[in-house]
N, C-alpha and C. Protein backbone atom coordinates (compact mmCIF):
# COMPACT_ATOMS: atom_id res chain seq x y z
N UNK A 1 -179.46 -104.14 40.13
CA UNK A 1 -180.36 -104.72 41.11
C UNK A 1 -181.30 -105.67 40.37
N UNK A 2 -181.49 -106.85 40.93
CA UNK A 2 -182.38 -107.82 40.29
C UNK A 2 -183.84 -107.40 40.45
N UNK A 3 -184.66 -107.94 39.57
CA UNK A 3 -186.09 -107.62 39.63
C UNK A 3 -186.68 -108.05 40.96
N UNK A 4 -186.26 -109.22 41.46
CA UNK A 4 -186.80 -109.72 42.73
C UNK A 4 -186.42 -108.80 43.89
N UNK A 5 -185.17 -108.33 43.90
CA UNK A 5 -184.75 -107.40 44.96
C UNK A 5 -185.54 -106.09 44.86
N UNK A 6 -185.78 -105.64 43.64
CA UNK A 6 -186.56 -104.43 43.42
C UNK A 6 -187.99 -104.61 43.92
N UNK A 7 -188.55 -105.79 43.65
CA UNK A 7 -189.91 -106.08 44.11
C UNK A 7 -189.98 -106.08 45.64
N UNK A 8 -188.98 -106.67 46.30
CA UNK A 8 -188.97 -106.68 47.77
C UNK A 8 -188.77 -105.27 48.34
N UNK A 9 -187.96 -104.46 47.67
CA UNK A 9 -187.83 -103.06 48.09
C UNK A 9 -189.18 -102.36 47.98
N UNK A 10 -189.86 -102.60 46.87
CA UNK A 10 -191.18 -101.99 46.65
C UNK A 10 -192.17 -102.44 47.73
N UNK A 11 -192.22 -103.73 47.99
CA UNK A 11 -193.16 -104.25 49.00
C UNK A 11 -192.85 -103.72 50.39
N UNK A 12 -191.57 -103.60 50.71
CA UNK A 12 -191.17 -103.03 52.00
C UNK A 12 -191.63 -101.58 52.11
N UNK A 13 -191.43 -100.83 51.03
CA UNK A 13 -191.86 -99.42 51.03
C UNK A 13 -193.38 -99.30 51.10
N UNK A 14 -194.11 -100.22 50.45
CA UNK A 14 -195.58 -100.23 50.55
C UNK A 14 -195.99 -100.37 52.01
N UNK A 15 -195.38 -101.34 52.69
CA UNK A 15 -195.72 -101.57 54.10
C UNK A 15 -195.34 -100.37 54.97
N UNK A 16 -194.13 -99.84 54.77
CA UNK A 16 -193.69 -98.69 55.57
C UNK A 16 -194.55 -97.47 55.31
N UNK A 17 -194.92 -97.25 54.06
CA UNK A 17 -195.75 -96.10 53.71
C UNK A 17 -197.13 -96.22 54.37
N UNK A 18 -197.74 -97.39 54.27
CA UNK A 18 -199.06 -97.60 54.88
C UNK A 18 -199.03 -97.49 56.39
N UNK A 19 -198.03 -98.13 57.01
CA UNK A 19 -197.92 -98.05 58.47
C UNK A 19 -197.63 -96.62 58.93
N UNK A 20 -196.76 -95.94 58.19
CA UNK A 20 -196.45 -94.55 58.53
C UNK A 20 -197.67 -93.65 58.41
N UNK A 21 -198.47 -93.88 57.36
CA UNK A 21 -199.69 -93.08 57.20
C UNK A 21 -200.67 -93.35 58.34
N UNK A 22 -200.81 -94.63 58.71
CA UNK A 22 -201.70 -94.96 59.83
C UNK A 22 -201.24 -94.29 61.12
N UNK A 23 -199.94 -94.33 61.37
CA UNK A 23 -199.40 -93.71 62.57
C UNK A 23 -199.63 -92.19 62.56
N UNK A 24 -199.36 -91.56 61.43
CA UNK A 24 -199.57 -90.11 61.34
C UNK A 24 -201.06 -89.77 61.46
N UNK A 25 -201.92 -90.64 60.91
CA UNK A 25 -203.35 -90.43 61.07
C UNK A 25 -203.79 -90.54 62.52
N UNK A 26 -203.24 -91.51 63.22
CA UNK A 26 -203.55 -91.68 64.65
C UNK A 26 -203.09 -90.45 65.43
N UNK A 27 -201.89 -89.98 65.12
CA UNK A 27 -201.38 -88.79 65.80
C UNK A 27 -202.21 -87.56 65.48
N UNK A 28 -202.70 -87.47 64.25
CA UNK A 28 -203.56 -86.35 63.87
C UNK A 28 -204.85 -86.39 64.68
N UNK A 29 -205.47 -87.57 64.76
CA UNK A 29 -206.74 -87.68 65.48
C UNK A 29 -206.57 -87.45 66.98
N UNK A 30 -205.43 -87.84 67.52
CA UNK A 30 -205.20 -87.66 68.96
C UNK A 30 -204.49 -86.34 69.26
N UNK A 31 -204.27 -85.54 68.22
CA UNK A 31 -203.63 -84.23 68.35
C UNK A 31 -202.26 -84.32 69.03
N UNK A 32 -201.49 -85.32 68.67
CA UNK A 32 -200.17 -85.54 69.24
C UNK A 32 -199.16 -84.53 68.68
N UNK A 33 -198.29 -84.04 69.55
CA UNK A 33 -197.22 -83.15 69.07
C UNK A 33 -196.20 -83.90 68.20
N UNK A 34 -196.20 -85.23 68.22
CA UNK A 34 -195.28 -86.02 67.40
C UNK A 34 -195.47 -85.75 65.92
N UNK A 35 -196.66 -85.35 65.54
CA UNK A 35 -196.95 -85.09 64.13
C UNK A 35 -196.11 -83.93 63.59
N UNK A 36 -195.62 -83.09 64.47
CA UNK A 36 -194.83 -81.94 64.05
C UNK A 36 -193.32 -82.19 64.13
N UNK A 37 -192.93 -83.40 64.52
CA UNK A 37 -191.51 -83.74 64.62
C UNK A 37 -190.86 -83.70 63.24
N UNK A 38 -189.65 -83.23 63.18
CA UNK A 38 -188.95 -83.07 61.89
C UNK A 38 -188.84 -84.39 61.11
N UNK A 39 -188.50 -85.47 61.78
CA UNK A 39 -188.35 -86.76 61.12
C UNK A 39 -189.68 -87.25 60.54
N UNK A 40 -190.76 -86.95 61.23
CA UNK A 40 -192.10 -87.34 60.76
C UNK A 40 -192.47 -86.58 59.49
N UNK A 41 -191.90 -85.41 59.32
CA UNK A 41 -192.17 -84.63 58.11
C UNK A 41 -191.29 -85.06 56.94
N UNK A 42 -190.10 -85.62 57.20
CA UNK A 42 -189.15 -85.96 56.16
C UNK A 42 -189.25 -87.42 55.72
N UNK A 43 -189.33 -88.33 56.67
CA UNK A 43 -189.26 -89.77 56.39
C UNK A 43 -190.33 -90.26 55.39
N UNK A 44 -191.60 -89.82 55.50
CA UNK A 44 -192.59 -90.29 54.52
C UNK A 44 -192.21 -89.94 53.08
N UNK A 45 -191.59 -88.79 52.88
CA UNK A 45 -191.19 -88.40 51.53
C UNK A 45 -190.08 -89.31 51.00
N UNK A 46 -189.17 -89.70 51.87
CA UNK A 46 -188.10 -90.60 51.45
C UNK A 46 -188.66 -91.98 51.09
N UNK A 47 -189.53 -92.51 51.94
CA UNK A 47 -190.13 -93.82 51.69
C UNK A 47 -190.96 -93.79 50.41
N UNK A 48 -191.77 -92.75 50.25
CA UNK A 48 -192.64 -92.67 49.07
C UNK A 48 -191.86 -92.45 47.78
N UNK A 49 -190.71 -91.77 47.87
CA UNK A 49 -189.86 -91.61 46.70
C UNK A 49 -189.27 -92.95 46.27
N UNK A 50 -188.79 -93.73 47.25
CA UNK A 50 -188.31 -95.08 46.95
C UNK A 50 -189.42 -95.96 46.40
N UNK A 51 -190.60 -95.82 46.97
CA UNK A 51 -191.76 -96.61 46.53
C UNK A 51 -192.09 -96.30 45.07
N UNK A 52 -192.19 -95.04 44.73
CA UNK A 52 -192.51 -94.65 43.36
C UNK A 52 -191.39 -95.01 42.40
N UNK A 53 -190.16 -94.79 42.82
CA UNK A 53 -189.01 -95.13 41.97
C UNK A 53 -188.94 -96.62 41.68
N UNK A 54 -189.17 -97.43 42.68
CA UNK A 54 -189.15 -98.89 42.46
C UNK A 54 -190.30 -99.32 41.58
N UNK A 55 -191.46 -98.69 41.73
CA UNK A 55 -192.62 -99.02 40.89
C UNK A 55 -192.35 -98.68 39.43
N UNK A 56 -191.81 -97.50 39.19
CA UNK A 56 -191.52 -97.09 37.82
C UNK A 56 -190.44 -97.98 37.19
N UNK A 57 -189.43 -98.33 37.97
CA UNK A 57 -188.38 -99.21 37.46
C UNK A 57 -188.91 -100.59 37.14
N UNK A 58 -189.76 -101.14 38.00
CA UNK A 58 -190.36 -102.45 37.73
C UNK A 58 -191.26 -102.39 36.50
N UNK A 59 -192.01 -101.31 36.34
CA UNK A 59 -192.85 -101.18 35.16
C UNK A 59 -192.00 -101.14 33.89
N UNK A 60 -190.91 -100.41 33.94
CA UNK A 60 -190.03 -100.31 32.80
C UNK A 60 -189.38 -101.66 32.49
N UNK A 61 -188.86 -102.34 33.51
CA UNK A 61 -188.20 -103.63 33.31
C UNK A 61 -189.15 -104.71 32.79
N UNK A 62 -190.40 -104.66 33.23
CA UNK A 62 -191.37 -105.69 32.83
C UNK A 62 -192.19 -105.28 31.60
N UNK A 63 -191.96 -104.08 31.11
CA UNK A 63 -192.71 -103.54 29.96
C UNK A 63 -194.22 -103.55 30.20
N UNK A 64 -194.61 -103.25 31.42
CA UNK A 64 -196.03 -103.12 31.76
C UNK A 64 -196.24 -101.69 32.24
N UNK A 65 -197.16 -100.99 31.57
CA UNK A 65 -197.32 -99.57 31.84
C UNK A 65 -198.78 -99.23 32.10
N UNK A 66 -199.01 -98.18 32.94
CA UNK A 66 -200.39 -97.68 33.07
C UNK A 66 -200.90 -97.24 31.70
N UNK A 67 -202.18 -97.35 31.52
CA UNK A 67 -202.89 -97.01 30.29
C UNK A 67 -202.67 -98.06 29.19
N UNK A 68 -201.76 -99.03 29.45
CA UNK A 68 -201.62 -100.18 28.55
C UNK A 68 -202.12 -101.44 29.27
N UNK A 69 -201.96 -101.46 30.57
CA UNK A 69 -202.43 -102.56 31.42
C UNK A 69 -203.53 -102.00 32.33
N UNK A 70 -204.71 -102.60 32.28
CA UNK A 70 -205.85 -102.10 33.05
C UNK A 70 -205.59 -102.04 34.54
N UNK A 71 -204.94 -103.06 35.07
CA UNK A 71 -204.71 -103.10 36.52
C UNK A 71 -203.72 -102.02 36.95
N UNK A 72 -202.71 -101.71 36.12
CA UNK A 72 -201.78 -100.64 36.46
C UNK A 72 -202.44 -99.26 36.33
N UNK A 73 -203.34 -99.14 35.40
CA UNK A 73 -204.10 -97.89 35.27
C UNK A 73 -204.95 -97.67 36.53
N UNK A 74 -205.57 -98.76 37.02
CA UNK A 74 -206.37 -98.68 38.24
C UNK A 74 -205.50 -98.30 39.43
N UNK A 75 -204.29 -98.88 39.52
CA UNK A 75 -203.38 -98.52 40.61
C UNK A 75 -202.97 -97.05 40.52
N UNK A 76 -202.74 -96.57 39.31
CA UNK A 76 -202.36 -95.18 39.11
C UNK A 76 -203.44 -94.24 39.64
N UNK A 77 -204.69 -94.49 39.23
CA UNK A 77 -205.77 -93.62 39.70
C UNK A 77 -206.05 -93.81 41.19
N UNK A 78 -205.86 -95.03 41.69
CA UNK A 78 -205.97 -95.26 43.13
C UNK A 78 -204.91 -94.48 43.90
N UNK A 79 -203.71 -94.43 43.33
CA UNK A 79 -202.63 -93.67 43.96
C UNK A 79 -202.94 -92.18 43.99
N UNK A 80 -203.47 -91.66 42.89
CA UNK A 80 -203.87 -90.24 42.88
C UNK A 80 -204.92 -89.96 43.95
N UNK A 81 -205.90 -90.85 44.08
CA UNK A 81 -206.93 -90.68 45.11
C UNK A 81 -206.30 -90.73 46.50
N UNK A 82 -205.40 -91.69 46.72
CA UNK A 82 -204.74 -91.85 48.02
C UNK A 82 -203.96 -90.59 48.38
N UNK A 83 -203.23 -90.03 47.42
CA UNK A 83 -202.45 -88.81 47.68
C UNK A 83 -203.36 -87.65 48.04
N UNK A 84 -204.41 -87.44 47.24
CA UNK A 84 -205.33 -86.32 47.51
C UNK A 84 -206.06 -86.50 48.84
N UNK A 85 -206.60 -87.68 49.07
CA UNK A 85 -207.33 -87.92 50.31
C UNK A 85 -206.41 -87.82 51.52
N UNK A 86 -205.20 -88.37 51.39
CA UNK A 86 -204.23 -88.29 52.49
C UNK A 86 -203.83 -86.86 52.79
N UNK A 87 -203.71 -86.05 51.76
CA UNK A 87 -203.37 -84.66 51.94
C UNK A 87 -204.47 -83.94 52.73
N UNK A 88 -205.72 -84.20 52.38
CA UNK A 88 -206.83 -83.59 53.13
C UNK A 88 -206.93 -84.16 54.53
N UNK A 89 -206.58 -85.43 54.69
CA UNK A 89 -206.65 -86.06 56.01
C UNK A 89 -205.62 -85.47 56.97
N UNK A 90 -204.42 -85.24 56.50
CA UNK A 90 -203.35 -84.82 57.41
C UNK A 90 -203.09 -83.32 57.42
N UNK A 91 -203.54 -82.60 56.40
CA UNK A 91 -203.18 -81.18 56.33
C UNK A 91 -204.34 -80.25 56.05
N UNK A 92 -205.10 -80.52 55.04
CA UNK A 92 -206.03 -79.53 54.51
C UNK A 92 -207.46 -79.64 55.02
N UNK A 93 -207.79 -80.72 55.74
CA UNK A 93 -209.14 -80.83 56.28
C UNK A 93 -209.41 -79.73 57.28
N UNK A 94 -210.54 -79.07 57.15
CA UNK A 94 -210.81 -77.89 57.99
C UNK A 94 -211.16 -78.24 59.43
N UNK A 95 -211.83 -79.37 59.63
CA UNK A 95 -212.18 -79.79 60.98
C UNK A 95 -211.61 -81.18 61.25
N UNK A 96 -211.53 -81.52 62.51
CA UNK A 96 -211.03 -82.85 62.87
C UNK A 96 -211.95 -83.93 62.32
N UNK A 97 -213.24 -83.68 62.32
CA UNK A 97 -214.20 -84.64 61.77
C UNK A 97 -214.00 -84.87 60.28
N UNK A 98 -213.77 -83.79 59.56
CA UNK A 98 -213.52 -83.92 58.12
C UNK A 98 -212.21 -84.65 57.86
N UNK A 99 -211.19 -84.34 58.66
CA UNK A 99 -209.90 -85.03 58.50
C UNK A 99 -210.06 -86.52 58.78
N UNK A 100 -210.88 -86.87 59.76
CA UNK A 100 -211.12 -88.29 60.07
C UNK A 100 -211.81 -89.00 58.90
N UNK A 101 -212.77 -88.33 58.27
CA UNK A 101 -213.45 -88.91 57.11
C UNK A 101 -212.47 -89.10 55.95
N UNK A 102 -211.66 -88.08 55.69
CA UNK A 102 -210.67 -88.21 54.62
C UNK A 102 -209.65 -89.29 54.95
N UNK A 103 -209.30 -89.42 56.22
CA UNK A 103 -208.35 -90.46 56.64
C UNK A 103 -208.92 -91.85 56.34
N UNK A 104 -210.17 -92.06 56.69
CA UNK A 104 -210.81 -93.34 56.39
C UNK A 104 -210.89 -93.62 54.90
N UNK A 105 -211.21 -92.59 54.12
CA UNK A 105 -211.28 -92.76 52.67
C UNK A 105 -209.89 -93.04 52.08
N UNK A 106 -208.86 -92.40 52.63
CA UNK A 106 -207.49 -92.65 52.16
C UNK A 106 -207.08 -94.09 52.48
N UNK A 107 -207.47 -94.58 53.65
CA UNK A 107 -207.16 -95.97 54.00
C UNK A 107 -207.87 -96.94 53.06
N UNK A 108 -209.10 -96.62 52.67
CA UNK A 108 -209.82 -97.46 51.70
C UNK A 108 -209.12 -97.45 50.34
N UNK A 109 -208.63 -96.30 49.93
CA UNK A 109 -207.93 -96.24 48.65
C UNK A 109 -206.61 -97.01 48.71
N UNK A 110 -205.93 -96.96 49.85
CA UNK A 110 -204.70 -97.75 50.05
C UNK A 110 -205.03 -99.24 49.95
N UNK A 111 -206.10 -99.67 50.60
CA UNK A 111 -206.52 -101.08 50.54
C UNK A 111 -206.87 -101.47 49.10
N UNK A 112 -207.50 -100.56 48.37
CA UNK A 112 -207.83 -100.82 46.97
C UNK A 112 -206.57 -101.03 46.14
N UNK A 113 -205.58 -100.15 46.32
CA UNK A 113 -204.33 -100.26 45.56
C UNK A 113 -203.65 -101.60 45.84
N UNK A 114 -203.58 -101.98 47.11
CA UNK A 114 -202.94 -103.25 47.48
C UNK A 114 -203.73 -104.42 46.89
N UNK A 115 -205.05 -104.34 46.94
CA UNK A 115 -205.89 -105.42 46.38
C UNK A 115 -205.71 -105.55 44.88
N UNK A 116 -205.63 -104.44 44.19
CA UNK A 116 -205.40 -104.47 42.74
C UNK A 116 -204.03 -105.09 42.45
N UNK A 117 -203.04 -104.72 43.24
CA UNK A 117 -201.69 -105.27 43.02
C UNK A 117 -201.67 -106.78 43.25
N UNK A 118 -202.37 -107.25 44.26
CA UNK A 118 -202.36 -108.68 44.56
C UNK A 118 -203.14 -109.50 43.54
N UNK A 119 -204.23 -108.95 43.03
CA UNK A 119 -205.09 -109.70 42.11
C UNK A 119 -204.83 -109.39 40.64
N UNK A 120 -204.16 -108.25 40.38
CA UNK A 120 -203.97 -107.74 39.02
C UNK A 120 -205.31 -107.60 38.30
N UNK A 121 -206.27 -107.15 39.07
CA UNK A 121 -207.63 -106.96 38.58
C UNK A 121 -208.08 -105.57 39.02
N UNK A 122 -208.55 -104.72 38.09
CA UNK A 122 -208.99 -103.38 38.48
C UNK A 122 -210.24 -103.37 39.37
N UNK A 123 -210.97 -104.48 39.41
CA UNK A 123 -212.13 -104.61 40.29
C UNK A 123 -211.90 -105.79 41.23
N UNK A 124 -210.97 -105.65 42.17
CA UNK A 124 -210.55 -106.81 42.97
C UNK A 124 -211.60 -107.33 43.94
N UNK A 125 -212.54 -106.52 44.30
CA UNK A 125 -213.53 -106.92 45.31
C UNK A 125 -214.82 -107.43 44.70
N UNK A 126 -214.86 -107.55 43.38
CA UNK A 126 -216.09 -108.00 42.72
C UNK A 126 -215.87 -109.29 41.99
């Protein structure tokens, strides 16, 4: 697979992952039974696996690695924040209000990751 095709796969997965998270967050806030659908539980894992796999392959092919490149290190820590906040938003938040706060924070971390990727700057908003 060419690097360009890999990049487009990655970008597609970024969009699908973000849109899927927004949809699941909306369903969580509206208490929709769709959130418990089997496909809704499986599909995000497939998309995120492709997303991570394409990211790791692109890093390897381009010889750019977290902890060697500042912007990739920032994306790595942003991803950890996104995973933790998303987990509390969709599963572990004790109240709906807390889940809504975690959901908003997860969306901010997603926006941060995308901004870092576009600018290749660990402080993209400054």
